[in-house]
């Protein structure tokens, strides 16, 4: 958890603001390196947004004396150190809450999976979800906040803006430029001075019966940046936009999306998926604000974890062979964030 402290009047806020509201002074960002449990409440009565009981509400305090609450299904004692599990297993899926600071969330979900081995020479291709020409508050496409926070993180590690391409293409009649502009993603690229690129205007490389964008093989690393939708394998399906439009549409007549994805995955370099899930509508019809971010080197595992969190009964064909119990969960637990 990050806090923001005024350098003059010493007041502290849990959300990012540019200046102190009281004295207009600069703020210092305080990182919580460790946290201990100073209070515990056991909850036994369920509610619409917290159906599974019992669970515990913990009051945590970091090394700076800052406090916040955290839901947990694990029982702690007063004075225990609060820890979240991290690891470097490529099969693992990291889960974290998006609270007030997207930058903190990006840093955390990458840290939970063991970090990224990148430097100033690394060439990166970013593939956001960009499917509809709509404003960001409709949550149809990757949010400008997530893309902006990711770019700032990359530049903070030394990656040069000229080595980053944000790529997409349209599989319908609406031009990708119109989608990029209305979604707010084009503005982010312009502000951060990175190259937006329409994959349909580039070359494609033949890989078996697939035609994959040449841009993939020019990059050292691919960052898949989908927005998750209930009932879909959104993270895995987003990678289809790396294929030539005509090739993808023809393959859909010849084989299942499960087979297309399997062939595509075998021909891609290492790919990290960082996904967001904002609002979803549950089976009872209630719209729930999830505010979650995920990361994994395995997009199918990430999609399967999301389907478990949303308690979706109809599993997409791409995910049917994925066993949830075999996926290492990092950061927050599924039960803590499930609807």
C-alpha atoms as a PDB file:
ATOM      1  CA  UNK A   1       0.000   0.000   0.000  1.00  0.00           C
ATOM      2  CA  UNK A   2       1.278   3.463  -0.882  1.00  0.00           C
ATOM      3  CA  UNK A   3       0.572   6.658   1.054  1.00  0.00           C
ATOM      4  CA  UNK A   4       1.303  10.286   0.228  1.00  0.00           C
ATOM      5  CA  UNK A   5       2.753  12.609   2.876  1.00  0.00           C
ATOM      6  CA  UNK A   6       2.946  16.396   2.778  1.00  0.00           C
ATOM      7  CA  UNK A   7       6.542  17.512   3.253  1.00  0.00           C
ATOM      8  CA  UNK A   8       5.417  20.679   5.059  1.00  0.00           C
ATOM      9  CA  UNK A   9       2.374  19.973   7.240  1.00  0.00           C
ATOM     10  CA  UNK A  10       3.078  16.204   7.481  1.00  0.00           C
ATOM     11  CA  UNK A  11      -0.503  15.147   6.717  1.00  0.00           C
ATOM     12  CA  UNK A  12      -0.931  11.781   4.984  1.00  0.00           C
ATOM     13  CA  UNK A  13      -3.358  10.599   2.276  1.00  0.00           C
ATOM     14  CA  UNK A  14      -4.038   7.124   0.929  1.00  0.00           C
ATOM     15  CA  UNK A  15      -4.798   8.325  -2.604  1.00  0.00           C
ATOM     16  CA  UNK A  16      -2.498  10.092  -5.095  1.00  0.00           C
ATOM     17  CA  UNK A  17      -2.903  13.879  -5.334  1.00  0.00           C
ATOM     18  CA  UNK A  18      -0.567  16.391  -6.910  1.00  0.00           C
ATOM     19  CA  UNK A  19      -0.327  18.804  -3.985  1.00  0.00           C
ATOM     20  CA  UNK A  20      -1.346  19.018  -0.343  1.00  0.00           C
ATOM     21  CA  UNK A  21      -4.985  20.294  -0.209  1.00  0.00           C
ATOM     22  CA  UNK A  22      -4.212  22.328   2.921  1.00  0.00           C
ATOM     23  CA  UNK A  23      -0.900  24.053   2.150  1.00  0.00           C
ATOM     24  CA  UNK A  24      -0.301  23.277  -1.569  1.00  0.00           C
ATOM     25  CA  UNK A  25       3.117  21.770  -0.803  1.00  0.00           C
ATOM     26  CA  UNK A  26       4.706  18.836  -2.617  1.00  0.00           C
ATOM     27  CA  UNK A  27       3.930  15.283  -1.502  1.00  0.00           C
ATOM     28  CA  UNK A  28       6.269  12.404  -0.817  1.00  0.00           C
ATOM     29  CA  UNK A  29       5.212   8.867  -1.771  1.00  0.00           C
ATOM     30  CA  UNK A  30       5.641   6.408   1.101  1.00  0.00           C
ATOM     31  CA  UNK A  31       5.945   2.709   0.231  1.00  0.00           C
ATOM     32  CA  UNK A  32       4.707   0.114   2.719  1.00  0.00           C
ATOM     33  CA  UNK A  33       7.446  -2.505   2.895  1.00  0.00           C
ATOM     34  CA  UNK A  34       6.026  -4.462   5.819  1.00  0.00           C
ATOM     35  CA  UNK A  35       2.696  -4.563   7.615  1.00  0.00           C
ATOM     36  CA  UNK A  36       1.574  -6.093  10.889  1.00  0.00           C
ATOM     37  CA  UNK A  37      -1.909  -6.976  12.137  1.00  0.00           C
ATOM     38  CA  UNK A  38      -3.145  -4.609  14.849  1.00  0.00           C
ATOM     39  CA  UNK A  39      -6.863  -5.406  14.724  1.00  0.00           C
ATOM     40  CA  UNK A  40      -9.136  -8.299  13.705  1.00  0.00           C
ATOM     41  CA  UNK A  41     -12.888  -8.652  13.152  1.00  0.00           C
ATOM     42  CA  UNK A  42     -14.516 -11.990  12.316  1.00  0.00           C
ATOM     43  CA  UNK A  43     -17.504 -11.641   9.977  1.00  0.00           C
ATOM     44  CA  UNK A  44     -20.112 -14.433  10.053  1.00  0.00           C
ATOM     45  CA  UNK A  45     -23.070 -12.785   8.282  1.00  0.00           C
ATOM     46  CA  UNK A  46     -22.969 -12.707   4.479  1.00  0.00           C
ATOM     47  CA  UNK A  47     -23.920  -9.752   2.288  1.00  0.00           C
ATOM     48  CA  UNK A  48     -24.562  -9.180  -1.421  1.00  0.00           C
ATOM     49  CA  UNK A  49     -20.923  -8.420  -2.174  1.00  0.00           C
ATOM     50  CA  UNK A  50     -19.408 -10.730   0.473  1.00  0.00           C
ATOM     51  CA  UNK A  51     -21.333 -13.985   0.208  1.00  0.00           C
ATOM     52  CA  UNK A  52     -18.808 -16.437   1.615  1.00  0.00           C
ATOM     53  CA  UNK A  53     -18.379 -16.494   5.376  1.00  0.00           C
ATOM     54  CA  UNK A  54     -16.724 -16.576   7.769  1.00  0.00           C
ATOM     55  CA  UNK A  55     -13.954 -14.167   6.801  1.00  0.00           C
ATOM     56  CA  UNK A  56     -11.748 -11.711   8.647  1.00  0.00           C
ATOM     57  CA  UNK A  57     -11.326  -7.969   8.325  1.00  0.00           C
ATOM     58  CA  UNK A  58      -7.797  -7.046   9.373  1.00  0.00           C
ATOM     59  CA  UNK A  59      -6.505  -3.657  10.428  1.00  0.00           C
ATOM     60  CA  UNK A  60      -2.934  -3.397   9.165  1.00  0.00           C
ATOM     61  CA  UNK A  61      -0.190  -0.954  10.097  1.00  0.00           C
ATOM     62  CA  UNK A  62       3.016  -0.394   8.122  1.00  0.00           C
ATOM     63  CA  UNK A  63       6.484   0.709   9.255  1.00  0.00           C
ATOM     64  CA  UNK A  64       5.439   4.362   8.959  1.00  0.00           C
ATOM     65  CA  UNK A  65       2.394   3.995  11.213  1.00  0.00           C
ATOM     66  CA  UNK A  66      -0.094   4.206   8.325  1.00  0.00           C
ATOM     67  CA  UNK A  67      -3.170   2.004   8.649  1.00  0.00           C
ATOM     68  CA  UNK A  68      -5.710   0.351   6.341  1.00  0.00           C
ATOM     69  CA  UNK A  69      -8.143  -2.579   6.328  1.00  0.00           C
ATOM     70  CA  UNK A  70      -7.813  -5.836   4.407  1.00  0.00           C
ATOM     71  CA  UNK A  71     -10.176  -8.762   3.870  1.00  0.00           C
ATOM     72  CA  UNK A  72      -8.695 -12.205   4.538  1.00  0.00           C
ATOM     73  CA  UNK A  73      -9.883 -15.807   4.762  1.00  0.00           C
ATOM     74  CA  UNK A  74      -6.741 -16.704   6.661  1.00  0.00           C
ATOM     75  CA  UNK A  75      -6.919 -16.188  10.408  1.00  0.00           C
ATOM     76  CA  UNK A  76      -4.208 -14.008  11.944  1.00  0.00           C
ATOM     77  CA  UNK A  77      -3.281 -12.996  15.468  1.00  0.00           C
ATOM     78  CA  UNK A  78      -2.556  -9.503  16.750  1.00  0.00           C
ATOM     79  CA  UNK A  79       1.100  -8.722  16.074  1.00  0.00           C
ATOM     80  CA  UNK A  80       1.460 -11.158  13.137  1.00  0.00           C
ATOM     81  CA  UNK A  81       3.240  -9.922  10.044  1.00  0.00           C
ATOM     82  CA  UNK A  82       0.897  -9.746   7.053  1.00  0.00           C
ATOM     83  CA  UNK A  83       2.393 -11.285   3.917  1.00  0.00           C
ATOM     84  CA  UNK A  84       1.232 -11.897   0.360  1.00  0.00           C
ATOM     85  CA  UNK A  85       2.574 -14.780  -1.679  1.00  0.00           C
ATOM     86  CA  UNK A  86       4.778 -14.064  -4.686  1.00  0.00           C
ATOM     87  CA  UNK A  87       6.783 -16.314  -6.978  1.00  0.00           C
ATOM     88  CA  UNK A  88       8.450 -16.891 -10.344  1.00  0.00           C
ATOM     89  CA  UNK A  89       6.332 -19.812 -11.578  1.00  0.00           C
ATOM     90  CA  UNK A  90       5.362 -19.105 -15.211  1.00  0.00           C
ATOM     91  CA  UNK A  91       2.057 -20.868 -14.550  1.00  0.00           C
ATOM     92  CA  UNK A  92       1.139 -18.538 -11.697  1.00  0.00           C
ATOM     93  CA  UNK A  93      -1.494 -15.790 -11.711  1.00  0.00           C
ATOM     94  CA  UNK A  94      -1.101 -12.649  -9.597  1.00  0.00           C
ATOM     95  CA  UNK A  95      -4.228 -10.862  -8.301  1.00  0.00           C
ATOM     96  CA  UNK A  96      -4.294  -7.365  -6.814  1.00  0.00           C
ATOM     97  CA  UNK A  97      -6.832  -4.645  -6.042  1.00  0.00           C
ATOM     98  CA  UNK A  98      -6.809  -1.401  -8.020  1.00  0.00           C
ATOM     99  CA  UNK A  99      -7.513   1.194  -5.366  1.00  0.00           C
ATOM    100  CA  UNK A 100      -6.420   4.752  -6.037  1.00  0.00           C
ATOM    101  CA  UNK A 101      -3.089   4.410  -7.781  1.00  0.00           C
ATOM    102  CA  UNK A 102      -2.731   2.494 -11.073  1.00  0.00           C
ATOM    103  CA  UNK A 103       1.046   2.941 -10.930  1.00  0.00           C
ATOM    104  CA  UNK A 104       1.232   1.110  -7.625  1.00  0.00           C
ATOM    105  CA  UNK A 105      -0.979  -1.686  -8.985  1.00  0.00           C
ATOM    106  CA  UNK A 106       1.167  -2.212 -12.093  1.00  0.00           C
ATOM    107  CA  UNK A 107       4.312  -2.325  -9.980  1.00  0.00           C
ATOM    108  CA  UNK A 108       2.733  -4.809  -7.571  1.00  0.00           C
ATOM    109  CA  UNK A 109       1.362  -7.333 -10.107  1.00  0.00           C
ATOM    110  CA  UNK A 110       4.719  -7.385 -11.907  1.00  0.00           C
ATOM    111  CA  UNK A 111       6.598  -7.753  -8.627  1.00  0.00           C
ATOM    112  CA  UNK A 112       4.355 -10.655  -7.548  1.00  0.00           C
ATOM    113  CA  UNK A 113       5.328 -12.764 -10.585  1.00  0.00           C
ATOM    114  CA  UNK A 114       9.042 -12.180 -10.109  1.00  0.00           C
ATOM    115  CA  UNK A 115       9.572  -8.958 -12.072  1.00  0.00           C
ATOM    116  CA  UNK A 116      10.654  -8.312 -15.661  1.00  0.00           C
ATOM    117  CA  UNK A 117      14.130  -8.717 -17.100  1.00  0.00           C
ATOM    118  CA  UNK A 118      14.180  -5.616 -19.310  1.00  0.00           C
ATOM    119  CA  UNK A 119      16.598  -2.748 -19.947  1.00  0.00           C
ATOM    120  CA  UNK A 120      17.026   0.343 -22.110  1.00  0.00           C
ATOM    121  CA  UNK A 121      17.680  -1.792 -25.197  1.00  0.00           C
ATOM    122  CA  UNK A 122      14.573  -3.992 -24.807  1.00  0.00           C
ATOM    123  CA  UNK A 123      12.039  -3.632 -27.617  1.00  0.00           C
ATOM    124  CA  UNK A 124       8.465  -4.062 -26.393  1.00  0.00           C
ATOM    125  CA  UNK A 125       5.180  -4.599 -28.224  1.00  0.00           C
ATOM    126  CA  UNK A 126       2.043  -3.691 -26.230  1.00  0.00           C
ATOM    127  CA  UNK A 127      -1.302  -5.129 -27.355  1.00  0.00           C
ATOM    128  CA  UNK A 128      -4.285  -3.468 -25.623  1.00  0.00           C
ATOM    129  CA  UNK A 129      -7.920  -4.441 -26.084  1.00  0.00           C
ATOM    130  CA  UNK A 130      -9.309  -2.011 -28.677  1.00  0.00           C
ATOM    131  CA  UNK A 131     -12.538  -3.353 -30.133  1.00  0.00           C
ATOM    132  CA  UNK A 132     -15.158  -0.580 -29.990  1.00  0.00           C
ATOM    133  CA  UNK A 133     -15.080   3.172 -30.661  1.00  0.00           C
ATOM    134  CA  UNK A 134     -16.346   4.130 -27.203  1.00  0.00           C
ATOM    135  CA  UNK A 135     -15.331   6.320 -24.295  1.00  0.00           C
ATOM    136  CA  UNK A 136     -13.268   4.751 -21.531  1.00  0.00           C
ATOM    137  CA  UNK A 137     -16.056   4.825 -18.920  1.00  0.00           C
ATOM    138  CA  UNK A 138     -17.942   2.132 -20.884  1.00  0.00           C
ATOM    139  CA  UNK A 139     -15.084  -0.309 -20.094  1.00  0.00           C
ATOM    140  CA  UNK A 140     -15.110  -1.834 -23.594  1.00  0.00           C
ATOM    141  CA  UNK A 141     -11.393  -1.300 -24.174  1.00  0.00           C
ATOM    142  CA  UNK A 142      -8.219  -1.209 -22.115  1.00  0.00           C
ATOM    143  CA  UNK A 143      -8.383   1.880 -19.909  1.00  0.00           C
ATOM    144  CA  UNK A 144      -6.099   4.871 -20.611  1.00  0.00           C
ATOM    145  CA  UNK A 145      -5.119   4.776 -16.916  1.00  0.00           C
ATOM    146  CA  UNK A 146      -3.766   1.226 -17.183  1.00  0.00           C
ATOM    147  CA  UNK A 147      -1.831   1.884 -20.388  1.00  0.00           C
ATOM    148  CA  UNK A 148      -0.430   5.148 -19.014  1.00  0.00           C
ATOM    149  CA  UNK A 149       0.678   3.531 -15.749  1.00  0.00           C
ATOM    150  CA  UNK A 150       2.337   0.649 -17.614  1.00  0.00           C
ATOM    151  CA  UNK A 151       4.277   3.016 -19.890  1.00  0.00           C
ATOM    152  CA  UNK A 152       5.490   5.043 -16.903  1.00  0.00           C
ATOM    153  CA  UNK A 153       6.612   1.826 -15.202  1.00  0.00           C
ATOM    154  CA  UNK A 154       8.548   0.728 -18.297  1.00  0.00           C
ATOM    155  CA  UNK A 155      10.242   4.102 -18.676  1.00  0.00           C
ATOM    156  CA  UNK A 156      11.111   4.014 -14.979  1.00  0.00           C
ATOM    157  CA  UNK A 157      13.077   0.794 -15.561  1.00  0.00           C
ATOM    158  CA  UNK A 158      15.090   2.463 -18.336  1.00  0.00           C
ATOM    159  CA  UNK A 159      13.129   1.344 -21.400  1.00  0.00           C
ATOM    160  CA  UNK A 160      13.283   4.027 -24.101  1.00  0.00           C
ATOM    161  CA  UNK A 161       9.998   5.351 -25.582  1.00  0.00           C
ATOM    162  CA  UNK A 162      11.297   4.753 -29.114  1.00  0.00           C
ATOM    163  CA  UNK A 163      11.617   1.036 -28.307  1.00  0.00           C
ATOM    164  CA  UNK A 164       7.920   0.700 -27.413  1.00  0.00           C
ATOM    165  CA  UNK A 165       5.059   0.160 -29.875  1.00  0.00           C
ATOM    166  CA  UNK A 166       1.388   0.115 -28.901  1.00  0.00           C
ATOM    167  CA  UNK A 167      -0.240  -2.068 -31.541  1.00  0.00           C
ATOM    168  CA  UNK A 168      -3.797  -2.981 -32.498  1.00  0.00           C
ATOM    169  CA  UNK A 169      -5.975  -3.611 -35.517  1.00  0.00           C
ATOM    170  CA  UNK A 170      -9.662  -3.658 -36.359  1.00  0.00           C
ATOM    171  CA  UNK A 171     -11.492  -6.867 -37.250  1.00  0.00           C
ATOM    172  CA  UNK A 172     -14.660  -4.977 -38.258  1.00  0.00           C
ATOM    173  CA  UNK A 173     -15.606  -2.077 -40.512  1.00  0.00           C
ATOM    174  CA  UNK A 174     -14.653   0.667 -38.017  1.00  0.00           C
ATOM    175  CA  UNK A 175     -11.133   2.013 -38.508  1.00  0.00           C
ATOM    176  CA  UNK A 176      -8.691   1.380 -35.680  1.00  0.00           C
ATOM    177  CA  UNK A 177      -7.781   5.088 -35.587  1.00  0.00           C
ATOM    178  CA  UNK A 178     -11.352   6.016 -34.636  1.00  0.00           C
ATOM    179  CA  UNK A 179     -11.332   3.427 -31.854  1.00  0.00           C
ATOM    180  CA  UNK A 180      -7.946   4.579 -30.556  1.00  0.00           C
ATOM    181  CA  UNK A 181      -8.988   8.216 -30.499  1.00  0.00           C
ATOM    182  CA  UNK A 182     -12.354   7.792 -28.785  1.00  0.00           C
ATOM    183  CA  UNK A 183     -11.040   5.292 -26.233  1.00  0.00           C
ATOM    184  CA  UNK A 184      -8.369   7.741 -25.047  1.00  0.00           C
ATOM    185  CA  UNK A 185      -5.513   5.331 -25.832  1.00  0.00           C
ATOM    186  CA  UNK A 186      -4.201   7.448 -28.701  1.00  0.00           C
ATOM    187  CA  UNK A 187      -3.882  10.456 -26.394  1.00  0.00           C
ATOM    188  CA  UNK A 188      -1.850   8.357 -23.926  1.00  0.00           C
ATOM    189  CA  UNK A 189       0.546   7.316 -26.711  1.00  0.00           C
ATOM    190  CA  UNK A 190       0.979  10.912 -27.815  1.00  0.00           C
ATOM    191  CA  UNK A 191       1.643  12.162 -24.280  1.00  0.00           C
ATOM    192  CA  UNK A 192       4.152   9.393 -23.578  1.00  0.00           C
ATOM    193  CA  UNK A 193       5.768   9.753 -27.030  1.00  0.00           C
ATOM    194  CA  UNK A 194       5.376   6.115 -28.030  1.00  0.00           C
ATOM    195  CA  UNK A 195       4.479   4.816 -31.480  1.00  0.00           C
ATOM    196  CA  UNK A 196       0.875   3.685 -32.068  1.00  0.00           C
ATOM    197  CA  UNK A 197       0.813   1.150 -34.905  1.00  0.00           C
ATOM    198  CA  UNK A 198      -1.995  -0.391 -36.960  1.00  0.00           C
ATOM    199  CA  UNK A 199      -0.976  -4.025 -37.388  1.00  0.00           C
ATOM    200  CA  UNK A 200      -3.117  -4.294 -40.526  1.00  0.00           C
ATOM    201  CA  UNK A 201      -0.726  -1.861 -42.254  1.00  0.00           C
ATOM    202  CA  UNK A 202       2.320  -4.014 -41.527  1.00  0.00           C
ATOM    203  CA  UNK A 203       3.654  -7.307 -42.841  1.00  0.00           C
ATOM    204  CA  UNK A 204       2.732 -10.792 -41.664  1.00  0.00           C
ATOM    205  CA  UNK A 205       4.893 -13.887 -41.340  1.00  0.00           C
ATOM    206  CA  UNK A 206       3.650 -17.342 -42.279  1.00  0.00           C
ATOM    207  CA  UNK A 207       3.762 -19.747 -39.312  1.00  0.00           C
ATOM    208  CA  UNK A 208       2.204 -23.036 -40.356  1.00  0.00           C
ATOM    209  CA  UNK A 209      -1.398 -22.212 -41.298  1.00  0.00           C
ATOM    210  CA  UNK A 210      -1.294 -18.887 -39.437  1.00  0.00           C
ATOM    211  CA  UNK A 211      -0.115 -15.443 -40.542  1.00  0.00           C
ATOM    212  CA  UNK A 212       1.366 -13.592 -37.545  1.00  0.00           C
ATOM    213  CA  UNK A 213       2.292  -9.904 -37.489  1.00  0.00           C
ATOM    214  CA  UNK A 214       5.961  -9.296 -38.239  1.00  0.00           C
ATOM    215  CA  UNK A 215       5.985  -6.735 -35.388  1.00  0.00           C
ATOM    216  CA  UNK A 216       5.806  -9.620 -32.891  1.00  0.00           C
ATOM    217  CA  UNK A 217       9.161 -10.976 -34.019  1.00  0.00           C
ATOM    218  CA  UNK A 218      10.803  -7.553 -34.102  1.00  0.00           C
ATOM    219  CA  UNK A 219      10.078  -7.189 -30.373  1.00  0.00           C
ATOM    220  CA  UNK A 220      11.999  -8.782 -27.516  1.00  0.00           C
ATOM    221  CA  UNK A 221       8.928  -8.901 -25.335  1.00  0.00           C
ATOM    222  CA  UNK A 222       5.133  -8.839 -25.808  1.00  0.00           C
ATOM    223  CA  UNK A 223       2.812  -7.254 -23.235  1.00  0.00           C
ATOM    224  CA  UNK A 224      -0.803  -8.358 -23.628  1.00  0.00           C
ATOM    225  CA  UNK A 225      -3.072  -5.733 -22.040  1.00  0.00           C
ATOM    226  CA  UNK A 226      -6.718  -6.938 -22.144  1.00  0.00           C
ATOM    227  CA  UNK A 227      -9.793  -5.846 -20.235  1.00  0.00           C
ATOM    228  CA  UNK A 228     -11.628  -8.899 -18.902  1.00  0.00           C
ATOM    229  CA  UNK A 229     -15.270  -9.681 -19.629  1.00  0.00           C
ATOM    230  CA  UNK A 230     -17.452 -12.205 -17.834  1.00  0.00           C
ATOM    231  CA  UNK A 231     -18.084 -15.387 -19.832  1.00  0.00           C
ATOM    232  CA  UNK A 232     -15.123 -14.741 -22.154  1.00  0.00           C
ATOM    233  CA  UNK A 233     -11.497 -15.864 -22.357  1.00  0.00           C
ATOM    234  CA  UNK A 234     -10.611 -12.204 -22.944  1.00  0.00           C
ATOM    235  CA  UNK A 235      -6.869 -12.383 -22.261  1.00  0.00           C
ATOM    236  CA  UNK A 236      -6.346 -15.313 -24.628  1.00  0.00           C
ATOM    237  CA  UNK A 237      -8.736 -14.005 -27.288  1.00  0.00           C
ATOM    238  CA  UNK A 238      -6.968 -10.631 -27.367  1.00  0.00           C
ATOM    239  CA  UNK A 239      -3.883 -12.332 -28.809  1.00  0.00           C
ATOM    240  CA  UNK A 240      -5.870 -13.189 -31.959  1.00  0.00           C
ATOM    241  CA  UNK A 241      -5.379  -9.553 -33.011  1.00  0.00           C
ATOM    242  CA  UNK A 242      -1.745 -10.448 -33.719  1.00  0.00           C
ATOM    243  CA  UNK A 243      -3.026 -12.466 -36.688  1.00  0.00           C
ATOM    244  CA  UNK A 244      -3.874 -11.136 -40.117  1.00  0.00           C
ATOM    245  CA  UNK A 245      -7.585 -10.372 -40.176  1.00  0.00           C
ATOM    246  CA  UNK A 246      -8.376 -12.473 -43.248  1.00  0.00           C
ATOM    247  CA  UNK A 247      -6.280 -15.359 -41.946  1.00  0.00           C
ATOM    248  CA  UNK A 248      -8.063 -15.343 -38.573  1.00  0.00           C
ATOM    249  CA  UNK A 249     -11.535 -15.214 -40.110  1.00  0.00           C
ATOM    250  CA  UNK A 250     -10.730 -18.072 -42.500  1.00  0.00           C
ATOM    251  CA  UNK A 251      -9.268 -20.184 -39.681  1.00  0.00           C
ATOM    252  CA  UNK A 252     -12.512 -19.796 -37.713  1.00  0.00           C
ATOM    253  CA  UNK A 253     -14.291 -21.710 -40.483  1.00  0.00           C
ATOM    254  CA  UNK A 254     -11.708 -24.479 -40.482  1.00  0.00           C
ATOM    255  CA  UNK A 255     -11.066 -25.039 -36.761  1.00  0.00           C
ATOM    256  CA  UNK A 256     -12.075 -24.005 -33.255  1.00  0.00           C
ATOM    257  CA  UNK A 257     -10.700 -20.980 -31.419  1.00  0.00           C
ATOM    258  CA  UNK A 258      -9.112 -23.447 -29.020  1.00  0.00           C
ATOM    259  CA  UNK A 259      -7.032 -24.925 -31.881  1.00  0.00           C
ATOM    260  CA  UNK A 260      -6.214 -21.483 -33.312  1.00  0.00           C
ATOM    261  CA  UNK A 261      -4.991 -20.299 -29.921  1.00  0.00           C
ATOM    262  CA  UNK A 262      -2.876 -23.420 -29.376  1.00  0.00           C
ATOM    263  CA  UNK A 263      -1.129 -22.923 -32.729  1.00  0.00           C
ATOM    264  CA  UNK A 264      -0.679 -19.211 -32.113  1.00  0.00           C
ATOM    265  CA  UNK A 265       0.763 -19.684 -28.616  1.00  0.00           C
ATOM    266  CA  UNK A 266       3.353 -22.110 -29.956  1.00  0.00           C
ATOM    267  CA  UNK A 267       4.585 -19.441 -32.399  1.00  0.00           C
ATOM    268  CA  UNK A 268       4.781 -16.457 -30.045  1.00  0.00           C
ATOM    269  CA  UNK A 269       7.777 -15.239 -28.015  1.00  0.00           C
ATOM    270  CA  UNK A 270       7.460 -14.819 -24.255  1.00  0.00           C
ATOM    271  CA  UNK A 271       4.322 -12.860 -23.494  1.00  0.00           C
ATOM    272  CA  UNK A 272       3.208 -11.312 -20.214  1.00  0.00           C
ATOM    273  CA  UNK A 273      -0.486 -10.549 -19.748  1.00  0.00           C
ATOM    274  CA  UNK A 274      -1.501  -7.692 -17.464  1.00  0.00           C
ATOM    275  CA  UNK A 275      -5.286  -7.516 -17.323  1.00  0.00           C
ATOM    276  CA  UNK A 276      -7.885  -5.354 -15.641  1.00  0.00           C
ATOM    277  CA  UNK A 277     -11.412  -6.203 -14.486  1.00  0.00           C
ATOM    278  CA  UNK A 278     -13.445  -3.212 -13.415  1.00  0.00           C
ATOM    279  CA  UNK A 279     -17.190  -3.884 -13.196  1.00  0.00           C
ATOM    280  CA  UNK A 280     -19.088  -7.141 -13.791  1.00  0.00           C
ATOM    281  CA  UNK A 281     -22.702  -8.235 -13.496  1.00  0.00           C
ATOM    282  CA  UNK A 282     -23.217 -11.372 -11.429  1.00  0.00           C
ATOM    283  CA  UNK A 283     -25.818 -14.126 -11.868  1.00  0.00           C
ATOM    284  CA  UNK A 284     -28.263 -12.330  -9.565  1.00  0.00           C
ATOM    285  CA  UNK A 285     -28.130  -9.202 -11.735  1.00  0.00           C
ATOM    286  CA  UNK A 286     -26.135  -7.053  -9.331  1.00  0.00           C
ATOM    287  CA  UNK A 287     -23.328  -5.017 -10.867  1.00  0.00           C
ATOM    288  CA  UNK A 288     -20.234  -5.360  -8.729  1.00  0.00           C
ATOM    289  CA  UNK A 289     -17.178  -3.177  -8.786  1.00  0.00           C
ATOM    290  CA  UNK A 290     -14.265  -5.622  -8.790  1.00  0.00           C
ATOM    291  CA  UNK A 291     -11.432  -3.162  -9.362  1.00  0.00           C
ATOM    292  CA  UNK A 292      -8.946  -5.980  -9.975  1.00  0.00           C
ATOM    293  CA  UNK A 293      -5.689  -6.311 -11.866  1.00  0.00           C
ATOM    294  CA  UNK A 294      -4.055  -9.590 -12.871  1.00  0.00           C
ATOM    295  CA  UNK A 295      -0.731 -10.668 -14.322  1.00  0.00           C
ATOM    296  CA  UNK A 296       0.523 -13.963 -15.681  1.00  0.00           C
ATOM    297  CA  UNK A 297       2.823 -15.406 -18.318  1.00  0.00           C
ATOM    298  CA  UNK A 298      -0.027 -17.837 -19.103  1.00  0.00           C
ATOM    299  CA  UNK A 299      -3.113 -16.072 -20.486  1.00  0.00           C
ATOM    300  CA  UNK A 300      -5.276 -19.212 -20.247  1.00  0.00           C
ATOM    301  CA  UNK A 301      -4.533 -19.546 -16.547  1.00  0.00           C
ATOM    302  CA  UNK A 302      -5.373 -15.887 -16.029  1.00  0.00           C
ATOM    303  CA  UNK A 303      -8.699 -16.300 -17.852  1.00  0.00           C
ATOM    304  CA  UNK A 304      -9.506 -19.429 -15.841  1.00  0.00           C
ATOM    305  CA  UNK A 305      -8.850 -17.630 -12.553  1.00  0.00           C
ATOM    306  CA  UNK A 306     -11.122 -14.772 -13.610  1.00  0.00           C
ATOM    307  CA  UNK A 307     -13.918 -17.199 -14.528  1.00  0.00           C
ATOM    308  CA  UNK A 308     -13.580 -18.716 -11.047  1.00  0.00           C
ATOM    309  CA  UNK A 309     -13.731 -15.287  -9.387  1.00  0.00           C
ATOM    310  CA  UNK A 310     -16.912 -14.417 -11.319  1.00  0.00           C
ATOM    311  CA  UNK A 311     -18.366 -17.891 -10.662  1.00  0.00           C
ATOM    312  CA  UNK A 312     -19.104 -18.324 -14.334  1.00  0.00           C
ATOM    313  CA  UNK A 313     -20.667 -21.746 -14.974  1.00  0.00           C
ATOM    314  CA  UNK A 314     -20.193 -21.785 -18.757  1.00  0.00           C
ATOM    315  CA  UNK A 315     -16.442 -22.102 -19.306  1.00  0.00           C
ATOM    316  CA  UNK A 316     -15.164 -20.998 -22.761  1.00  0.00           C
ATOM    317  CA  UNK A 317     -13.813 -23.819 -24.945  1.00  0.00           C
ATOM    318  CA  UNK A 318     -10.266 -22.423 -24.739  1.00  0.00           C
ATOM    319  CA  UNK A 319     -10.260 -22.949 -20.959  1.00  0.00           C
ATOM    320  CA  UNK A 320     -12.057 -26.273 -20.475  1.00  0.00           C
ATOM    321  CA  UNK A 321      -8.886 -28.324 -19.971  1.00  0.00           C
ATOM    322  CA  UNK A 322      -7.416 -25.866 -17.432  1.00  0.00           C
ATOM    323  CA  UNK A 323      -7.724 -27.119 -13.841  1.00  0.00           C
ATOM    324  CA  UNK A 324      -8.058 -24.259 -11.387  1.00  0.00           C
ATOM    325  CA  UNK A 325      -6.484 -26.231  -8.531  1.00  0.00           C
ATOM    326  CA  UNK A 326      -3.226 -26.564 -10.483  1.00  0.00           C
ATOM    327  CA  UNK A 327      -2.744 -22.803 -10.901  1.00  0.00           C
ATOM    328  CA  UNK A 328      -0.476 -21.076  -8.323  1.00  0.00           C
ATOM    329  CA  UNK A 329      -2.288 -17.981  -6.989  1.00  0.00           C
ATOM    330  CA  UNK A 330      -0.141 -14.999  -5.998  1.00  0.00           C
ATOM    331  CA  UNK A 331      -1.090 -11.850  -4.110  1.00  0.00           C
ATOM    332  CA  UNK A 332      -4.768 -11.777  -3.164  1.00  0.00           C
ATOM    333  CA  UNK A 333      -6.663 -15.061  -2.902  1.00  0.00           C
ATOM    334  CA  UNK A 334      -9.608 -15.993  -5.120  1.00  0.00           C
ATOM    335  CA  UNK A 335     -12.004 -16.225  -2.148  1.00  0.00           C
ATOM    336  CA  UNK A 336     -11.111 -12.711  -1.022  1.00  0.00           C
ATOM    337  CA  UNK A 337     -12.089 -11.070  -4.300  1.00  0.00           C
ATOM    338  CA  UNK A 338     -14.777 -13.439  -5.667  1.00  0.00           C
ATOM    339  CA  UNK A 339     -18.284 -12.142  -6.309  1.00  0.00           C
END
